[in-house]
N, C-alpha and C. Protein backbone atom coordinates (compact mmCIF):
# COMPACT_ATOMS: atom_id res chain seq x y z
N MET A 1 -15.62 -13.74 28.10
CA MET A 1 -15.68 -15.25 28.84
C MET A 1 -16.28 -15.91 27.37
N CYS A 2 -15.73 -17.03 26.89
CA CYS A 2 -15.83 -17.85 25.74
C CYS A 2 -17.14 -18.46 26.32
N MET A 3 -18.44 -18.34 25.17
CA MET A 3 -19.59 -19.78 25.80
C MET A 3 -19.40 -20.80 24.55
N TRP A 4 -18.03 -20.69 23.38
CA TRP A 4 -18.25 -21.30 22.56
C TRP A 4 -17.16 -22.39 22.79
N ASN A 5 -17.39 -24.08 22.79
CA ASN A 5 -16.08 -24.68 22.87
C ASN A 5 -16.08 -25.58 21.13
N VAL A 6 -14.99 -25.91 20.92
CA VAL A 6 -14.48 -26.56 19.43
C VAL A 6 -14.76 -27.78 20.05
N THR A 7 -15.82 -28.55 18.99
CA THR A 7 -15.93 -30.15 18.90
C THR A 7 -15.06 -30.96 17.98
N THR A 8 -14.84 -29.98 17.03
CA THR A 8 -14.25 -30.64 15.72
C THR A 8 -13.73 -29.51 14.60
N LEU A 9 -11.98 -29.60 14.32
CA LEU A 9 -11.19 -28.88 13.68
C LEU A 9 -10.65 -29.45 12.57
N THR A 10 -10.69 -28.85 11.33
CA THR A 10 -10.35 -29.15 9.95
C THR A 10 -9.50 -28.30 9.79
N VAL A 11 -8.33 -28.51 9.33
CA VAL A 11 -7.41 -27.39 8.54
C VAL A 11 -6.81 -28.57 7.09
N THR A 12 -7.33 -27.00 6.43
CA THR A 12 -6.54 -27.34 4.98
C THR A 12 -5.41 -26.38 4.50
N ASP A 13 -5.26 -26.40 3.25
CA ASP A 13 -4.26 -25.29 2.68
C ASP A 13 -4.74 -24.06 2.41
N GLU A 14 -6.29 -23.59 2.77
CA GLU A 14 -7.05 -22.52 2.90
C GLU A 14 -7.67 -22.26 4.07
N LEU A 15 -7.91 -23.04 4.31
CA LEU A 15 -8.97 -23.00 5.48
C LEU A 15 -8.86 -23.69 6.75
N LEU A 16 -9.03 -22.61 7.95
CA LEU A 16 -9.14 -23.21 9.46
C LEU A 16 -10.98 -23.31 9.71
N THR A 17 -11.53 -24.70 9.69
CA THR A 17 -12.79 -24.92 10.25
C THR A 17 -13.13 -25.24 11.45
N ALA A 18 -13.87 -24.81 12.15
CA ALA A 18 -14.12 -25.17 13.37
C ALA A 18 -15.65 -25.69 13.80
N GLU A 19 -15.94 -26.90 14.10
CA GLU A 19 -17.34 -27.15 14.36
C GLU A 19 -17.50 -26.72 16.07
N LEU A 20 -18.80 -25.97 16.32
CA LEU A 20 -18.60 -25.25 17.84
C LEU A 20 -20.18 -26.22 18.19
N SER A 21 -19.85 -26.40 19.90
CA SER A 21 -20.62 -26.67 20.20
C SER A 21 -22.30 -26.67 20.09
N ASP A 22 -22.49 -25.23 19.67
CA ASP A 22 -24.12 -24.50 19.99
C ASP A 22 -24.14 -25.15 18.10
N GLY A 23 -23.25 -25.71 17.65
CA GLY A 23 -23.76 -26.11 16.76
C GLY A 23 -23.50 -25.34 15.43
N ARG A 24 -22.66 -24.46 15.39
CA ARG A 24 -22.42 -23.29 13.97
C ARG A 24 -20.99 -24.48 13.74
N THR A 25 -20.79 -23.80 12.18
CA THR A 25 -19.36 -23.82 11.58
C THR A 25 -18.56 -23.02 11.49
N ILE A 26 -17.39 -22.52 11.74
CA ILE A 26 -16.82 -21.33 11.53
C ILE A 26 -15.68 -21.29 11.02
N SER A 27 -15.30 -20.44 9.63
CA SER A 27 -14.23 -20.85 8.91
C SER A 27 -13.45 -19.63 8.82
N ALA A 28 -12.22 -19.57 8.59
CA ALA A 28 -11.44 -18.51 9.01
C ALA A 28 -10.18 -18.99 7.72
N PRO A 29 -9.59 -17.89 7.09
CA PRO A 29 -8.77 -18.43 5.93
C PRO A 29 -7.51 -18.70 6.75
N LEU A 30 -6.78 -19.54 6.40
CA LEU A 30 -5.55 -19.78 7.29
C LEU A 30 -4.47 -18.68 6.52
N SER A 31 -4.85 -17.86 5.78
CA SER A 31 -3.98 -16.16 5.78
C SER A 31 -4.09 -15.47 6.69
N TRP A 32 -4.88 -15.85 7.54
CA TRP A 32 -5.13 -14.94 8.94
C TRP A 32 -4.05 -15.63 9.77
N TYR A 33 -3.54 -16.79 9.87
CA TYR A 33 -2.34 -17.20 10.69
C TYR A 33 -1.30 -18.07 10.44
N PRO A 34 -0.29 -16.75 9.83
CA PRO A 34 1.02 -16.87 9.44
C PRO A 34 1.78 -18.41 9.84
N ARG A 35 1.51 -18.73 10.82
CA ARG A 35 2.54 -19.60 11.48
C ARG A 35 1.70 -21.02 11.05
N LEU A 36 0.85 -21.34 10.86
CA LEU A 36 -0.26 -22.11 10.35
C LEU A 36 0.15 -22.17 8.51
N CYS A 37 0.18 -20.87 7.93
CA CYS A 37 0.28 -21.12 6.51
C CYS A 37 1.74 -21.59 5.98
N HIS A 38 2.63 -21.60 7.30
CA HIS A 38 4.25 -21.70 6.68
C HIS A 38 4.11 -23.19 7.22
N GLY A 39 3.29 -24.11 8.09
CA GLY A 39 3.61 -25.36 8.66
C GLY A 39 3.16 -26.35 7.61
N THR A 40 3.64 -27.19 7.64
CA THR A 40 3.20 -28.18 6.60
C THR A 40 1.84 -28.89 7.07
N ALA A 41 1.16 -29.54 6.20
CA ALA A 41 0.00 -30.40 6.68
C ALA A 41 0.24 -31.07 7.81
N GLU A 42 1.07 -32.12 7.68
CA GLU A 42 1.75 -32.96 9.24
C GLU A 42 1.57 -31.76 10.46
N GLU A 43 2.01 -30.96 10.83
CA GLU A 43 2.09 -30.25 11.38
C GLU A 43 0.98 -29.57 11.45
N ARG A 44 0.23 -29.36 10.90
CA ARG A 44 -1.01 -28.29 11.01
C ARG A 44 -2.07 -29.39 11.61
N GLU A 45 -2.09 -30.76 11.07
CA GLU A 45 -2.36 -31.48 11.61
C GLU A 45 -2.83 -32.01 13.39
N ASP A 46 -1.17 -31.54 13.89
CA ASP A 46 -0.86 -31.83 15.16
C ASP A 46 -1.53 -30.87 15.86
N TRP A 47 -2.61 -30.63 16.24
CA TRP A 47 -3.44 -29.90 17.46
C TRP A 47 -3.76 -30.49 18.21
N ARG A 48 -4.08 -30.02 19.64
CA ARG A 48 -5.20 -30.33 20.33
C ARG A 48 -5.78 -29.13 20.93
N LEU A 49 -7.30 -29.82 22.08
CA LEU A 49 -7.77 -28.38 22.32
C LEU A 49 -7.37 -28.44 23.78
N ILE A 50 -7.26 -27.07 23.83
CA ILE A 50 -6.91 -26.29 25.48
C ILE A 50 -7.97 -25.83 26.04
N GLY A 51 -7.94 -25.53 27.27
CA GLY A 51 -8.91 -24.83 28.09
C GLY A 51 -10.58 -25.26 27.79
N GLY A 52 -10.56 -27.16 27.84
CA GLY A 52 -11.64 -27.14 27.82
C GLY A 52 -12.71 -27.20 26.17
N GLY A 53 -11.61 -26.72 25.69
CA GLY A 53 -12.56 -26.71 24.07
C GLY A 53 -12.44 -25.14 23.62
N ARG A 54 -11.79 -24.36 24.35
CA ARG A 54 -11.84 -22.85 24.56
C ARG A 54 -10.74 -22.28 23.37
N GLY A 55 -10.15 -23.41 23.09
CA GLY A 55 -8.74 -22.83 22.17
C GLY A 55 -8.12 -23.60 21.49
N ILE A 56 -7.18 -23.85 20.69
CA ILE A 56 -6.55 -24.54 19.74
C ILE A 56 -5.29 -24.57 19.62
N HIS A 57 -4.17 -25.49 20.15
CA HIS A 57 -2.71 -25.33 20.15
C HIS A 57 -2.05 -26.51 19.07
N TRP A 58 -1.53 -25.75 18.99
CA TRP A 58 -0.32 -26.70 17.90
C TRP A 58 1.22 -26.17 18.23
N GLN A 59 1.20 -27.78 18.69
CA GLN A 59 2.66 -27.68 19.29
C GLN A 59 3.84 -27.43 18.52
N GLN A 60 4.00 -28.14 17.34
CA GLN A 60 5.27 -27.87 16.51
C GLN A 60 5.33 -26.77 16.12
N LEU A 61 4.01 -25.95 15.90
CA LEU A 61 3.84 -24.46 15.24
C LEU A 61 3.78 -23.44 16.80
N ASP A 62 4.02 -23.86 17.32
CA ASP A 62 3.87 -22.82 18.83
C ASP A 62 3.02 -21.60 18.91
N GLU A 63 1.66 -21.89 18.13
CA GLU A 63 0.63 -21.22 17.99
C GLU A 63 -0.90 -21.98 18.68
N ASP A 64 -1.24 -20.36 19.36
CA ASP A 64 -2.46 -20.81 19.79
C ASP A 64 -3.91 -20.15 19.31
N ILE A 65 -4.58 -20.35 18.85
CA ILE A 65 -5.84 -19.53 18.61
C ILE A 65 -7.00 -19.78 19.38
N SER A 66 -7.69 -18.72 20.17
CA SER A 66 -8.64 -18.85 20.60
C SER A 66 -10.28 -18.86 20.09
N VAL A 67 -11.01 -19.64 20.43
CA VAL A 67 -12.16 -19.76 20.17
C VAL A 67 -13.00 -18.77 19.71
N ASP A 68 -12.87 -17.86 20.99
CA ASP A 68 -13.49 -16.12 20.27
C ASP A 68 -12.72 -15.64 19.67
N ASN A 69 -11.70 -15.65 19.05
CA ASN A 69 -11.26 -15.17 17.81
C ASN A 69 -11.75 -15.82 16.61
N LEU A 70 -12.01 -16.60 16.66
CA LEU A 70 -12.35 -17.11 15.29
C LEU A 70 -14.11 -16.79 15.12
N VAL A 71 -14.65 -17.17 16.54
CA VAL A 71 -16.05 -16.40 16.47
C VAL A 71 -16.41 -15.10 16.19
N PHE A 72 -15.62 -14.32 16.50
CA PHE A 72 -15.56 -12.68 16.71
C PHE A 72 -14.86 -12.14 14.86
N GLY A 73 -13.98 -13.06 14.36
CA GLY A 73 -13.20 -12.81 13.24
C GLY A 73 -11.98 -12.75 13.29
N ARG A 74 -11.16 -12.47 14.34
CA ARG A 74 -9.66 -11.91 14.27
C ARG A 74 -8.99 -12.56 14.14
N PRO A 75 -8.06 -12.43 13.32
CA PRO A 75 -7.10 -12.75 12.69
C PRO A 75 -5.69 -12.66 13.75
N SER A 76 -4.60 -13.51 13.13
CA SER A 76 -3.40 -13.65 14.19
C SER A 76 -2.99 -11.97 14.47
N THR A 77 -2.72 -11.86 15.76
CA THR A 77 -2.28 -10.38 15.89
C THR A 77 -0.23 -10.17 15.82
N GLU A 78 0.10 -11.51 15.74
CA GLU A 78 1.60 -11.39 15.81
C GLU A 78 2.26 -10.88 15.03
N SER A 79 3.10 -9.97 15.46
CA SER A 79 3.85 -9.00 15.20
C SER A 79 5.07 -9.51 13.43
N GLN A 80 4.91 -8.69 12.70
CA GLN A 80 5.92 -9.25 11.44
C GLN A 80 7.34 -9.58 12.17
N THR A 81 7.83 -8.82 13.33
CA THR A 81 8.96 -8.99 13.83
C THR A 81 9.34 -10.44 14.72
N SER A 82 8.04 -10.58 15.32
CA SER A 82 8.15 -11.99 16.11
C SER A 82 8.15 -12.73 14.50
N LEU A 83 6.96 -12.69 14.23
CA LEU A 83 7.27 -13.90 12.93
C LEU A 83 8.26 -14.21 12.15
N LYS A 84 9.09 -13.13 11.98
CA LYS A 84 10.46 -12.83 11.50
C LYS A 84 11.38 -13.94 11.93
N ARG A 85 11.47 -13.60 13.41
CA ARG A 85 12.14 -14.48 14.39
C ARG A 85 12.02 -15.72 13.92
N TRP A 86 10.90 -15.87 14.72
CA TRP A 86 10.56 -17.82 14.38
C TRP A 86 10.69 -18.19 13.17
N LEU A 87 10.53 -17.63 11.78
CA LEU A 87 10.61 -18.50 10.76
C LEU A 87 12.32 -18.27 10.56
N GLU A 88 13.27 -17.77 10.86
CA GLU A 88 14.66 -17.96 11.42
C GLU A 88 14.79 -19.05 12.18
N ILE A 89 14.05 -19.25 13.07
CA ILE A 89 14.39 -20.15 14.13
C ILE A 89 14.20 -21.46 13.53
N ARG A 90 12.69 -21.57 12.81
CA ARG A 90 12.26 -22.60 12.07
C ARG A 90 13.48 -22.74 10.93
N ASN A 91 13.80 -22.14 9.97
CA ASN A 91 14.56 -22.62 8.96
C ASN A 91 15.77 -23.17 9.61
N LYS A 92 16.08 -22.49 10.40
CA LYS A 92 17.95 -22.69 10.80
C LYS A 92 17.63 -24.41 11.34
N GLY A 93 16.51 -24.62 12.35
CA GLY A 93 16.29 -26.03 12.73
C GLY A 93 16.27 -27.20 11.43
N GLN A 94 15.75 -26.58 10.52
CA GLN A 94 15.07 -27.48 9.22
C GLN A 94 16.47 -27.78 8.47
N ASN A 95 17.36 -26.57 8.72
CA ASN A 95 18.56 -26.83 7.76
C ASN A 95 19.17 -28.07 8.85
N ILE A 96 19.21 -27.82 9.93
CA ILE A 96 20.21 -28.82 10.70
C ILE A 96 20.03 -30.17 10.79
N ILE A 97 18.53 -30.50 10.49
CA ILE A 97 17.81 -31.69 9.94
C ILE A 97 18.30 -32.27 8.32
N SER A 98 18.39 -31.20 7.56
CA SER A 98 18.72 -31.58 6.42
C SER A 98 20.33 -31.83 6.48
N ASP A 99 21.28 -31.33 6.86
CA ASP A 99 22.38 -31.61 7.42
C ASP A 99 22.83 -32.69 7.67
N ARG A 100 21.43 -33.05 8.59
CA ARG A 100 22.11 -34.41 9.57
C ARG A 100 21.71 -35.66 8.49
N SER A 101 20.60 -35.36 7.62
CA SER A 101 20.43 -36.49 6.65
C SER A 101 20.97 -37.09 5.65
N ARG A 102 21.92 -36.18 5.40
CA ARG A 102 22.95 -36.55 4.13
C ARG A 102 24.22 -36.96 4.73
N ASP A 103 24.56 -36.84 6.31
CA ASP A 103 25.40 -37.60 6.88
C ASP A 103 25.64 -39.06 6.77
């Protein structure tokens, strides 16, 4: 059971930093979360708190991170197969957008 809530979140090219309701600040390397690493700065800034602040959701990147995982230092457990499939779908979508912008 999560006892902490995120009050503020900052995402840079290197770190995910969450300020918690108990006054602590927790940082994790962005490399722990491959979907965030592959996202643009704009996509990484498009987040919302879920579960009353017990989790963070990035709609555009289809990523969820629980506060418990941040507090206990647990990186993403997404398989390489899943990440590869997501990247292929993501790249295909970006190619479609690029093709449309040339029309």
